[in-house]
Amino acid sequence: TTTLFRVYPPPVSLSRTPRTRLLALSEEERAIAEKIRLLMELDKVYQEHAFSRADLAREVGASESTVSKIINAAFGRSLPRLLNEYRVEDAKHMLADSSIPIQVVASEAGFNSLASFNRVFRNLTGETPSAWRQAHGKA
């Protein structure tokens, strides 16, 4: 199930895309890349744990192979990696509030299990969610 109206911190954004990567794309592909960025940052589509390349392709009106090509060229990473990076950044905002249980953070950020959340979070940050919360959270 998906929560229809969520009240969370402002949109998550990752580091900006180098201009040289964007210049390698056509104008139409750059427009699709911008749609993808907006879907991630404003609509937070990554919070749906079952969100797939097919779903993203349908959202932006392009084929799955085109979406993969654009993500690799514009963002320099695969779709699963991109989704996980947004999920971890979102989780960091929630982890700063110590009243939110880690299981809830994992689910709301878009992870389908606590184990995958812990694994991905540690791979991307070098810390477990609990350790990150202790070092960066608010009392």
N, C-alpha and C. Protein backbone atom coordinates (compact mmCIF):
# COMPACT_ATOMS: atom_id res chain seq x y z
N THR A 1 0.84 -1.19 0.00
CA THR A 1 0.00 0.00 0.00
C THR A 1 0.87 1.23 0.00
N THR A 2 0.34 2.29 -0.54
CA THR A 2 1.08 3.54 -0.62
C THR A 2 0.31 4.62 0.11
N THR A 3 1.01 5.41 0.87
CA THR A 3 0.40 6.54 1.54
C THR A 3 0.15 7.62 0.50
N LEU A 4 -1.07 8.12 0.42
CA LEU A 4 -1.39 9.11 -0.60
C LEU A 4 -0.77 10.46 -0.32
N PHE A 5 -0.86 10.91 0.89
CA PHE A 5 -0.34 12.23 1.22
C PHE A 5 0.70 12.09 2.31
N ARG A 6 1.93 12.34 1.96
CA ARG A 6 3.02 12.25 2.92
C ARG A 6 3.53 13.65 3.20
N VAL A 7 3.86 13.89 4.45
CA VAL A 7 4.44 15.17 4.82
C VAL A 7 5.85 14.88 5.32
N TYR A 8 6.82 15.17 4.47
CA TYR A 8 8.22 14.90 4.78
C TYR A 8 9.06 16.12 4.44
N PRO A 9 10.34 16.01 4.69
CA PRO A 9 11.23 17.13 4.37
C PRO A 9 11.15 17.51 2.90
N PRO A 10 11.76 18.63 2.54
CA PRO A 10 11.74 19.08 1.15
C PRO A 10 12.31 18.02 0.21
N PRO A 11 12.12 18.20 -1.09
CA PRO A 11 12.58 17.20 -2.06
C PRO A 11 14.05 16.84 -1.88
N VAL A 12 14.33 15.57 -2.13
CA VAL A 12 15.70 15.08 -2.08
C VAL A 12 16.33 15.32 -3.43
N SER A 13 17.55 15.80 -3.45
CA SER A 13 18.25 15.93 -4.72
C SER A 13 19.65 15.38 -4.56
N LEU A 14 20.11 14.75 -5.61
CA LEU A 14 21.46 14.22 -5.62
C LEU A 14 22.35 15.22 -6.32
N SER A 15 23.64 14.95 -6.33
CA SER A 15 24.57 15.89 -6.97
C SER A 15 24.17 16.12 -8.43
N ARG A 16 24.41 17.30 -8.89
CA ARG A 16 24.02 17.70 -10.24
C ARG A 16 24.76 16.88 -11.30
N THR A 17 24.12 16.70 -12.43
CA THR A 17 24.68 15.96 -13.54
C THR A 17 25.71 16.82 -14.27
N PRO A 18 26.89 16.26 -14.55
CA PRO A 18 27.88 17.03 -15.32
C PRO A 18 27.31 17.42 -16.69
N ARG A 19 27.56 18.66 -17.09
CA ARG A 19 27.02 19.15 -18.37
C ARG A 19 27.51 18.33 -19.56
N THR A 20 28.71 17.79 -19.50
CA THR A 20 29.23 17.03 -20.64
C THR A 20 28.36 15.80 -20.90
N ARG A 21 27.84 15.19 -19.87
CA ARG A 21 26.95 14.03 -20.06
C ARG A 21 25.67 14.46 -20.74
N LEU A 22 25.10 15.57 -20.31
CA LEU A 22 23.84 16.04 -20.89
C LEU A 22 24.01 16.46 -22.35
N LEU A 23 25.17 16.99 -22.70
CA LEU A 23 25.41 17.42 -24.07
C LEU A 23 25.43 16.25 -25.04
N ALA A 24 25.73 15.04 -24.54
CA ALA A 24 25.77 13.86 -25.39
C ALA A 24 24.36 13.38 -25.75
N LEU A 25 23.34 13.93 -25.09
CA LEU A 25 21.96 13.52 -25.34
C LEU A 25 21.28 14.49 -26.30
N SER A 26 20.29 13.99 -27.03
CA SER A 26 19.50 14.86 -27.90
C SER A 26 18.60 15.73 -27.02
N GLU A 27 18.00 16.72 -27.62
CA GLU A 27 17.10 17.62 -26.87
C GLU A 27 15.94 16.83 -26.28
N GLU A 28 15.39 15.91 -27.04
CA GLU A 28 14.28 15.08 -26.57
C GLU A 28 14.73 14.21 -25.39
N GLU A 29 15.93 13.65 -25.49
CA GLU A 29 16.45 12.82 -24.39
C GLU A 29 16.73 13.65 -23.14
N ARG A 30 17.20 14.88 -23.33
CA ARG A 30 17.41 15.77 -22.18
C ARG A 30 16.09 16.10 -21.50
N ALA A 31 15.04 16.26 -22.29
CA ALA A 31 13.71 16.53 -21.74
C ALA A 31 13.22 15.33 -20.92
N ILE A 32 13.48 14.13 -21.41
CA ILE A 32 13.10 12.92 -20.67
C ILE A 32 13.92 12.82 -19.39
N ALA A 33 15.20 13.14 -19.46
CA ALA A 33 16.06 13.12 -18.26
C ALA A 33 15.53 14.09 -17.21
N GLU A 34 15.08 15.25 -17.65
CA GLU A 34 14.51 16.23 -16.73
C GLU A 34 13.21 15.72 -16.11
N LYS A 35 12.38 15.04 -16.91
CA LYS A 35 11.15 14.42 -16.38
C LYS A 35 11.50 13.39 -15.31
N ILE A 36 12.54 12.60 -15.57
CA ILE A 36 12.97 11.58 -14.61
C ILE A 36 13.43 12.25 -13.32
N ARG A 37 14.22 13.31 -13.46
CA ARG A 37 14.70 14.02 -12.27
C ARG A 37 13.54 14.56 -11.45
N LEU A 38 12.55 15.14 -12.11
CA LEU A 38 11.39 15.68 -11.41
C LEU A 38 10.57 14.58 -10.75
N LEU A 39 10.43 13.44 -11.42
CA LEU A 39 9.71 12.32 -10.82
C LEU A 39 10.41 11.84 -9.55
N MET A 40 11.73 11.85 -9.57
CA MET A 40 12.49 11.42 -8.40
C MET A 40 12.43 12.46 -7.28
N GLU A 41 12.72 13.71 -7.61
CA GLU A 41 12.86 14.74 -6.59
C GLU A 41 11.53 15.28 -6.07
N LEU A 42 10.56 15.44 -6.92
CA LEU A 42 9.29 16.03 -6.48
C LEU A 42 8.21 14.99 -6.19
N ASP A 43 8.05 14.03 -7.08
CA ASP A 43 7.02 13.02 -6.90
C ASP A 43 7.48 11.86 -6.01
N LYS A 44 8.78 11.75 -5.84
CA LYS A 44 9.38 10.70 -5.00
C LYS A 44 8.87 9.29 -5.36
N VAL A 45 8.92 9.00 -6.66
CA VAL A 45 8.45 7.70 -7.13
C VAL A 45 9.26 6.54 -6.55
N TYR A 46 10.48 6.82 -6.12
CA TYR A 46 11.33 5.78 -5.54
C TYR A 46 10.77 5.24 -4.23
N GLN A 47 9.83 5.93 -3.61
CA GLN A 47 9.27 5.46 -2.35
C GLN A 47 8.37 4.24 -2.54
N GLU A 48 7.97 3.97 -3.76
CA GLU A 48 7.20 2.76 -4.05
C GLU A 48 8.20 1.63 -4.28
N HIS A 49 8.25 0.67 -3.36
CA HIS A 49 9.31 -0.35 -3.43
C HIS A 49 9.24 -1.20 -4.70
N ALA A 50 8.08 -1.30 -5.32
CA ALA A 50 7.96 -2.11 -6.53
C ALA A 50 8.12 -1.29 -7.81
N PHE A 51 8.51 -0.02 -7.68
CA PHE A 51 8.67 0.84 -8.85
C PHE A 51 9.75 0.27 -9.75
N SER A 52 9.44 0.13 -11.04
CA SER A 52 10.36 -0.54 -11.97
C SER A 52 10.68 0.34 -13.17
N ARG A 53 11.58 -0.16 -13.98
CA ARG A 53 11.93 0.53 -15.22
C ARG A 53 10.71 0.64 -16.12
N ALA A 54 9.85 -0.38 -16.14
CA ALA A 54 8.63 -0.33 -16.95
C ALA A 54 7.71 0.80 -16.45
N ASP A 55 7.60 0.94 -15.14
CA ASP A 55 6.77 2.02 -14.58
C ASP A 55 7.33 3.39 -14.96
N LEU A 56 8.64 3.53 -14.86
CA LEU A 56 9.28 4.80 -15.20
C LEU A 56 9.11 5.10 -16.68
N ALA A 57 9.28 4.10 -17.52
CA ALA A 57 9.11 4.29 -18.97
C ALA A 57 7.70 4.74 -19.29
N ARG A 58 6.73 4.15 -18.63
CA ARG A 58 5.34 4.55 -18.84
C ARG A 58 5.11 6.00 -18.39
N GLU A 59 5.71 6.38 -17.26
CA GLU A 59 5.55 7.74 -16.72
C GLU A 59 6.12 8.80 -17.67
N VAL A 60 7.25 8.51 -18.30
CA VAL A 60 7.90 9.51 -19.16
C VAL A 60 7.56 9.34 -20.64
N GLY A 61 6.81 8.30 -20.97
CA GLY A 61 6.40 8.09 -22.35
C GLY A 61 7.52 7.67 -23.28
N ALA A 62 8.37 6.77 -22.81
CA ALA A 62 9.48 6.27 -23.62
C ALA A 62 9.61 4.77 -23.41
N SER A 63 10.40 4.13 -24.26
CA SER A 63 10.62 2.70 -24.10
C SER A 63 11.58 2.44 -22.93
N GLU A 64 11.56 1.22 -22.42
CA GLU A 64 12.44 0.86 -21.31
C GLU A 64 13.91 1.00 -21.70
N SER A 65 14.24 0.60 -22.92
CA SER A 65 15.64 0.70 -23.34
C SER A 65 16.08 2.16 -23.46
N THR A 66 15.19 3.02 -23.92
CA THR A 66 15.50 4.45 -24.00
C THR A 66 15.71 5.02 -22.61
N VAL A 67 14.84 4.64 -21.68
CA VAL A 67 14.96 5.11 -20.29
C VAL A 67 16.30 4.67 -19.70
N SER A 68 16.68 3.42 -19.91
CA SER A 68 17.96 2.92 -19.40
C SER A 68 19.13 3.71 -19.98
N LYS A 69 19.09 3.93 -21.29
CA LYS A 69 20.15 4.68 -21.96
C LYS A 69 20.26 6.09 -21.39
N ILE A 70 19.12 6.75 -21.22
CA ILE A 70 19.11 8.12 -20.71
C ILE A 70 19.61 8.17 -19.27
N ILE A 71 19.17 7.25 -18.44
CA ILE A 71 19.61 7.24 -17.04
C ILE A 71 21.12 7.04 -16.97
N ASN A 72 21.62 6.10 -17.74
CA ASN A 72 23.06 5.85 -17.74
C ASN A 72 23.84 7.07 -18.23
N ALA A 73 23.34 7.72 -19.28
CA ALA A 73 24.04 8.88 -19.84
C ALA A 73 23.88 10.12 -18.97
N ALA A 74 22.67 10.41 -18.52
CA ALA A 74 22.41 11.65 -17.80
C ALA A 74 22.80 11.60 -16.33
N PHE A 75 22.62 10.43 -15.71
CA PHE A 75 22.86 10.33 -14.27
C PHE A 75 24.12 9.53 -13.93
N GLY A 76 24.67 8.83 -14.92
CA GLY A 76 25.90 8.09 -14.70
C GLY A 76 25.76 6.88 -13.80
N ARG A 77 24.58 6.32 -13.75
CA ARG A 77 24.34 5.14 -12.91
C ARG A 77 23.15 4.36 -13.45
N SER A 78 22.96 3.15 -12.96
CA SER A 78 21.82 2.33 -13.37
C SER A 78 20.58 2.78 -12.62
N LEU A 79 19.40 2.37 -13.09
CA LEU A 79 18.16 2.74 -12.41
C LEU A 79 18.12 2.20 -10.98
N PRO A 80 18.45 0.93 -10.73
CA PRO A 80 18.41 0.47 -9.34
C PRO A 80 19.33 1.29 -8.43
N ARG A 81 20.51 1.62 -8.91
CA ARG A 81 21.43 2.44 -8.11
C ARG A 81 20.84 3.83 -7.86
N LEU A 82 20.27 4.43 -8.90
CA LEU A 82 19.67 5.75 -8.77
C LEU A 82 18.53 5.72 -7.75
N LEU A 83 17.65 4.73 -7.85
CA LEU A 83 16.54 4.60 -6.90
C LEU A 83 17.07 4.45 -5.48
N ASN A 84 18.07 3.60 -5.30
CA ASN A 84 18.61 3.38 -3.96
C ASN A 84 19.29 4.62 -3.39
N GLU A 85 19.95 5.40 -4.22
CA GLU A 85 20.58 6.62 -3.74
C GLU A 85 19.53 7.62 -3.25
N TYR A 86 18.44 7.76 -4.00
CA TYR A 86 17.36 8.64 -3.56
C TYR A 86 16.73 8.10 -2.27
N ARG A 87 16.53 6.79 -2.21
CA ARG A 87 15.93 6.18 -1.00
C ARG A 87 16.79 6.42 0.23
N VAL A 88 18.09 6.26 0.08
CA VAL A 88 19.00 6.46 1.21
C VAL A 88 19.01 7.93 1.65
N GLU A 89 19.03 8.85 0.69
CA GLU A 89 18.99 10.27 1.05
C GLU A 89 17.70 10.61 1.79
N ASP A 90 16.59 10.05 1.33
CA ASP A 90 15.30 10.27 1.99
C ASP A 90 15.34 9.66 3.40
N ALA A 91 15.90 8.47 3.50
CA ALA A 91 16.00 7.80 4.80
C ALA A 91 16.83 8.61 5.79
N LYS A 92 17.89 9.24 5.31
CA LYS A 92 18.73 10.07 6.18
C LYS A 92 17.91 11.19 6.83
N HIS A 93 17.03 11.82 6.04
CA HIS A 93 16.17 12.88 6.59
C HIS A 93 15.26 12.32 7.68
N MET A 94 14.70 11.13 7.45
CA MET A 94 13.81 10.54 8.44
C MET A 94 14.58 10.03 9.66
N LEU A 95 15.78 9.50 9.43
CA LEU A 95 16.58 8.99 10.54
C LEU A 95 17.00 10.09 11.51
N ALA A 96 17.07 11.31 11.03
CA ALA A 96 17.44 12.43 11.89
C ALA A 96 16.42 12.61 13.02
N ASP A 97 15.19 12.15 12.80
CA ASP A 97 14.15 12.19 13.82
C ASP A 97 14.14 10.86 14.55
N SER A 98 14.64 10.85 15.78
CA SER A 98 14.80 9.59 16.51
C SER A 98 13.48 8.95 16.91
N SER A 99 12.36 9.66 16.75
CA SER A 99 11.07 9.08 17.13
C SER A 99 10.51 8.14 16.06
N ILE A 100 11.09 8.16 14.87
CA ILE A 100 10.61 7.28 13.79
C ILE A 100 11.39 5.97 13.84
N PRO A 101 10.71 4.84 14.07
CA PRO A 101 11.41 3.55 14.10
C PRO A 101 12.10 3.24 12.77
N ILE A 102 13.23 2.58 12.84
CA ILE A 102 14.02 2.29 11.64
C ILE A 102 13.22 1.44 10.64
N GLN A 103 12.41 0.53 11.12
CA GLN A 103 11.56 -0.28 10.22
C GLN A 103 10.63 0.62 9.41
N VAL A 104 10.07 1.64 10.05
CA VAL A 104 9.17 2.58 9.36
C VAL A 104 9.96 3.41 8.35
N VAL A 105 11.15 3.85 8.73
CA VAL A 105 12.01 4.61 7.82
C VAL A 105 12.28 3.78 6.57
N ALA A 106 12.64 2.52 6.76
CA ALA A 106 12.94 1.65 5.62
C ALA A 106 11.75 1.53 4.69
N SER A 107 10.59 1.29 5.25
CA SER A 107 9.38 1.12 4.45
C SER A 107 8.99 2.41 3.74
N GLU A 108 9.00 3.53 4.44
CA GLU A 108 8.60 4.81 3.85
C GLU A 108 9.59 5.30 2.79
N ALA A 109 10.86 4.93 2.92
CA ALA A 109 11.86 5.33 1.93
C ALA A 109 11.75 4.50 0.65
N GLY A 110 11.04 3.36 0.71
CA GLY A 110 10.83 2.56 -0.49
C GLY A 110 11.51 1.21 -0.49
N PHE A 111 12.08 0.80 0.63
CA PHE A 111 12.71 -0.51 0.70
C PHE A 111 11.66 -1.56 1.05
N ASN A 112 11.77 -2.75 0.44
CA ASN A 112 10.77 -3.78 0.70
C ASN A 112 11.09 -4.63 1.92
N SER A 113 12.28 -4.47 2.50
CA SER A 113 12.60 -5.20 3.73
C SER A 113 13.66 -4.44 4.52
N LEU A 114 13.68 -4.70 5.81
CA LEU A 114 14.68 -4.08 6.67
C LEU A 114 16.08 -4.55 6.31
N ALA A 115 16.20 -5.82 5.93
CA ALA A 115 17.51 -6.36 5.56
C ALA A 115 18.08 -5.65 4.34
N SER A 116 17.25 -5.44 3.31
CA SER A 116 17.76 -4.74 2.11
C SER A 116 18.07 -3.28 2.43
N PHE A 117 17.27 -2.66 3.28
CA PHE A 117 17.55 -1.29 3.70
C PHE A 117 18.91 -1.21 4.38
N ASN A 118 19.14 -2.08 5.35
CA ASN A 118 20.42 -2.07 6.07
C ASN A 118 21.60 -2.30 5.12
N ARG A 119 21.46 -3.26 4.21
CA ARG A 119 22.55 -3.58 3.27
C ARG A 119 22.85 -2.41 2.35
N VAL A 120 21.81 -1.85 1.73
CA VAL A 120 22.00 -0.75 0.78
C VAL A 120 22.51 0.50 1.51
N PHE A 121 21.94 0.81 2.66
CA PHE A 121 22.35 1.99 3.41
C PHE A 121 23.83 1.89 3.77
N ARG A 122 24.25 0.72 4.23
CA ARG A 122 25.66 0.54 4.60
C ARG A 122 26.57 0.62 3.37
N ASN A 123 26.14 0.03 2.26
CA ASN A 123 26.95 0.08 1.04
C ASN A 123 27.15 1.51 0.55
N LEU A 124 26.12 2.35 0.67
CA LEU A 124 26.20 3.71 0.15
C LEU A 124 26.81 4.71 1.13
N THR A 125 26.67 4.47 2.43
CA THR A 125 27.16 5.44 3.41
C THR A 125 28.35 4.96 4.21
N GLY A 126 28.57 3.65 4.25
CA GLY A 126 29.64 3.09 5.07
C GLY A 126 29.23 2.92 6.53
N GLU A 127 27.98 3.24 6.85
CA GLU A 127 27.47 3.11 8.22
C GLU A 127 26.13 2.39 8.20
N THR A 128 25.79 1.78 9.32
CA THR A 128 24.45 1.21 9.45
C THR A 128 23.48 2.36 9.72
N PRO A 129 22.19 2.15 9.47
CA PRO A 129 21.22 3.21 9.78
C PRO A 129 21.27 3.63 11.26
N SER A 130 21.43 2.67 12.15
CA SER A 130 21.49 2.98 13.60
C SER A 130 22.71 3.84 13.91
N ALA A 131 23.85 3.49 13.35
CA ALA A 131 25.08 4.27 13.59
C ALA A 131 24.94 5.66 13.00
N TRP A 132 24.34 5.75 11.81
CA TRP A 132 24.14 7.06 11.18
C TRP A 132 23.24 7.93 12.06
N ARG A 133 22.16 7.32 12.57
CA ARG A 133 21.23 8.06 13.43
C ARG A 133 21.94 8.57 14.68
N GLN A 134 22.77 7.73 15.29
CA GLN A 134 23.49 8.15 16.50
C GLN A 134 24.42 9.32 16.20
N ALA A 135 25.10 9.28 15.05
CA ALA A 135 26.07 10.31 14.73
C ALA A 135 25.42 11.60 14.21
N HIS A 136 24.27 11.49 13.56
CA HIS A 136 23.70 12.65 12.88
C HIS A 136 22.29 13.03 13.34
N GLY A 137 21.67 12.23 14.16
CA GLY A 137 20.27 12.47 14.53
C GLY A 137 20.10 13.58 15.55
N LYS A 138 18.85 14.01 15.66
CA LYS A 138 18.45 14.99 16.66
C LYS A 138 17.87 14.25 17.84
N ALA A 139 18.07 14.76 19.01
CA ALA A 139 17.54 14.10 20.21
C ALA A 139 16.03 14.22 20.27
